[in-house]
C-alpha atoms as a PDB file:
ATOM      1  CA  MET A   1      38.808-162.356  31.560  1.00  0.00           C
ATOM      2  CA  ARG A   2      36.336-165.178  32.513  1.00  0.00           C
ATOM      3  CA  PRO A   3      34.864-167.120  29.558  1.00  0.00           C
ATOM      4  CA  SER A   4      31.143-167.105  29.065  1.00  0.00           C
ATOM      5  CA  LEU A   5      28.868-169.967  28.668  1.00  0.00           C
ATOM      6  CA  ASP A   6      27.343-170.010  25.135  1.00  0.00           C
ATOM      7  CA  LYS A   7      24.268-172.357  25.541  1.00  0.00           C
ATOM      8  CA  GLN A   8      23.705-172.500  21.901  1.00  0.00           C
ATOM      9  CA  ASN A   9      27.131-173.743  20.915  1.00  0.00           C
ATOM     10  CA  ALA A  10      27.770-175.813  24.081  1.00  0.00           C
ATOM     11  CA  PRO A  11      26.328-179.353  23.871  1.00  0.00           C
ATOM     12  CA  MET A  12      26.026-181.396  26.875  1.00  0.00           C
ATOM     13  CA  LEU A  13      28.681-184.067  27.465  1.00  0.00           C
ATOM     14  CA  PRO A  14      29.552-186.605  30.237  1.00  0.00           C
ATOM     15  CA  ILE A  15      32.020-184.896  32.688  1.00  0.00           C
ATOM     16  CA  GLN A  16      34.581-187.522  32.075  1.00  0.00           C
ATOM     17  CA  PHE A  17      35.211-186.187  28.616  1.00  0.00           C
ATOM     18  CA  LEU A  18      36.622-182.930  29.941  1.00  0.00           C
ATOM     19  CA  HIS A  19      40.300-182.242  29.759  1.00  0.00           C
ATOM     20  CA  PRO A  20      42.552-181.106  32.610  1.00  0.00           C
ATOM     21  CA  GLY A  21      42.019-177.343  33.223  1.00  0.00           C
ATOM     22  CA  GLU A  22      38.767-177.233  31.218  1.00  0.00           C
ATOM     23  CA  PRO A  23      35.883-175.442  33.044  1.00  0.00           C
ATOM     24  CA  ALA A  24      32.177-176.459  32.608  1.00  0.00           C
ATOM     25  CA  VAL A  25      28.886-176.201  34.220  1.00  0.00           C
ATOM     26  CA  VAL A  26      26.765-179.107  35.482  1.00  0.00           C
ATOM     27  CA  GLU A  27      23.596-179.314  33.562  1.00  0.00           C
ATOM     28  CA  ALA A  28      22.050-182.628  34.609  1.00  0.00           C
ATOM     29  CA  LEU A  29      22.660-185.724  36.772  1.00  0.00           C
ATOM     30  CA  ASP A  30      21.330-189.185  35.602  1.00  0.00           C
ATOM     31  CA  GLY A  31      21.632-192.388  37.610  1.00  0.00           C
ATOM     32  CA  PRO A  32      20.032-194.155  40.642  1.00  0.00           C
ATOM     33  CA  ASP A  33      18.296-191.661  43.054  1.00  0.00           C
ATOM     34  CA  VAL A  34      20.519-192.461  46.056  1.00  0.00           C
ATOM     35  CA  VAL A  35      23.671-191.606  44.008  1.00  0.00           C
ATOM     36  CA  VAL A  36      22.368-188.529  42.482  1.00  0.00           C
ATOM     37  CA  HIS A  37      21.153-187.234  45.832  1.00  0.00           C
ATOM     38  CA  ARG A  38      24.629-187.806  47.203  1.00  0.00           C
ATOM     39  CA  LEU A  39      26.249-186.069  44.297  1.00  0.00           C
ATOM     40  CA  ARG A  40      23.933-183.098  45.021  1.00  0.00           C
ATOM     41  CA  GLU A  41      24.920-183.136  48.519  1.00  0.00           C
ATOM     42  CA  MET A  42      28.558-182.752  47.461  1.00  0.00           C
ATOM     43  CA  GLY A  43      27.545-179.671  45.359  1.00  0.00           C
ATOM     44  CA  LEU A  44      27.235-181.213  42.015  1.00  0.00           C
ATOM     45  CA  GLU A  45      23.870-179.914  40.983  1.00  0.00           C
ATOM     46  CA  PRO A  46      22.638-178.136  37.835  1.00  0.00           C
ATOM     47  CA  GLY A  47      24.302-174.777  37.603  1.00  0.00           C
ATOM     48  CA  ALA A  48      27.428-175.609  39.560  1.00  0.00           C
ATOM     49  CA  GLU A  49      30.654-174.578  38.048  1.00  0.00           C
ATOM     50  CA  VAL A  50      33.322-177.285  37.911  1.00  0.00           C
ATOM     51  CA  GLU A  51      36.851-177.702  36.553  1.00  0.00           C
ATOM     52  CA  MET A  52      38.593-181.028  35.526  1.00  0.00           C
ATOM     53  CA  LEU A  53      41.943-181.189  37.404  1.00  0.00           C
ATOM     54  CA  GLN A  54      42.828-184.751  36.462  1.00  0.00           C
ATOM     55  CA  GLU A  55      41.253-186.986  34.009  1.00  0.00           C
ATOM     56  CA  GLY A  56      40.787-190.786  34.626  1.00  0.00           C
ATOM     57  CA  SER A  57      38.868-193.015  36.949  1.00  0.00           C
ATOM     58  CA  PRO A  58      39.115-191.673  39.572  1.00  0.00           C
ATOM     59  CA  CYS A  59      39.227-188.162  38.231  1.00  0.00           C
ATOM     60  CA  ILE A  60      39.726-185.127  40.228  1.00  0.00           C
ATOM     61  CA  ILE A  61      37.411-182.021  39.762  1.00  0.00           C
ATOM     62  CA  ARG A  62      37.266-178.672  41.419  1.00  0.00           C
ATOM     63  CA  ILE A  63      33.850-177.265  42.511  1.00  0.00           C
ATOM     64  CA  GLY A  64      34.305-174.185  44.340  1.00  0.00           C
ATOM     65  CA  GLU A  65      37.018-174.481  46.999  1.00  0.00           C
ATOM     66  CA  GLN A  66      36.784-178.192  47.182  1.00  0.00           C
ATOM     67  CA  ARG A  67      38.318-180.954  45.247  1.00  0.00           C
ATOM     68  CA  LEU A  68      36.383-184.011  44.638  1.00  0.00           C
ATOM     69  CA  SER A  69      37.707-187.550  43.499  1.00  0.00           C
ATOM     70  CA  LEU A  70      35.091-189.370  41.408  1.00  0.00           C
ATOM     71  CA  ARG A  71      35.038-192.874  40.022  1.00  0.00           C
ATOM     72  CA  PHE A  72      32.736-193.438  37.103  1.00  0.00           C
ATOM     73  CA  ASP A  73      30.376-196.425  36.382  1.00  0.00           C
ATOM     74  CA  ASP A  74      27.846-197.246  33.728  1.00  0.00           C
ATOM     75  CA  SER A  75      24.897-196.337  35.984  1.00  0.00           C
ATOM     76  CA  THR A  76      25.551-192.610  36.693  1.00  0.00           C
ATOM     77  CA  THR A  77      26.430-189.855  34.375  1.00  0.00           C
ATOM     78  CA  ILE A  78      27.145-186.056  35.213  1.00  0.00           C
ATOM     79  CA  PHE A  79      26.218-184.035  32.103  1.00  0.00           C
ATOM     80  CA  VAL A  80      28.106-180.662  31.703  1.00  0.00           C
ATOM     81  CA  SER A  81      28.275-177.850  29.183  1.00  0.00           C
ATOM     82  CA  THR A  82      31.796-176.420  28.502  1.00  0.00           C
ATOM     83  CA  PHE A  83      32.581-172.640  28.332  1.00  0.00           C
ATOM     84  CA  ALA A  84      32.731-171.114  24.913  1.00  0.00           C
ATOM     85  CA  GLN A  85      36.184-169.655  24.030  1.00  0.00           C
ATOM     86  CA  PRO A  86      36.235-165.776  24.161  1.00  0.00           C
ATOM     87  CA  LYS A  87      35.959-164.392  20.778  1.00  0.00           C
ATOM     88  CA  PRO A  88      39.206-162.540  19.668  1.00  0.00           C
ATOM     89  CA  ALA A  89      38.858-158.781  19.276  1.00  0.00           C
ATOM     90  CA  VAL A  90      38.774-157.538  15.685  1.00  0.00           C
END
């Protein structure tokens, strides 16, 4: 069963805070226009589902069927919301 995104309980956080195997949804991009434009060209735009595969800088994320290696700097941030864990059946 696929987890559902609970917007009320899922604060935005920088993508580099995700743990390996953790899925998320891109919420916003912040940085120089040229960098944000390039990230959008690679599929990192609001609403895109991503998964952290390897932490660090560079990190490796999955978006769709592709894997991207990203280095982080202080000028650009990719904000994501994590998926809520499914509630156990009672």
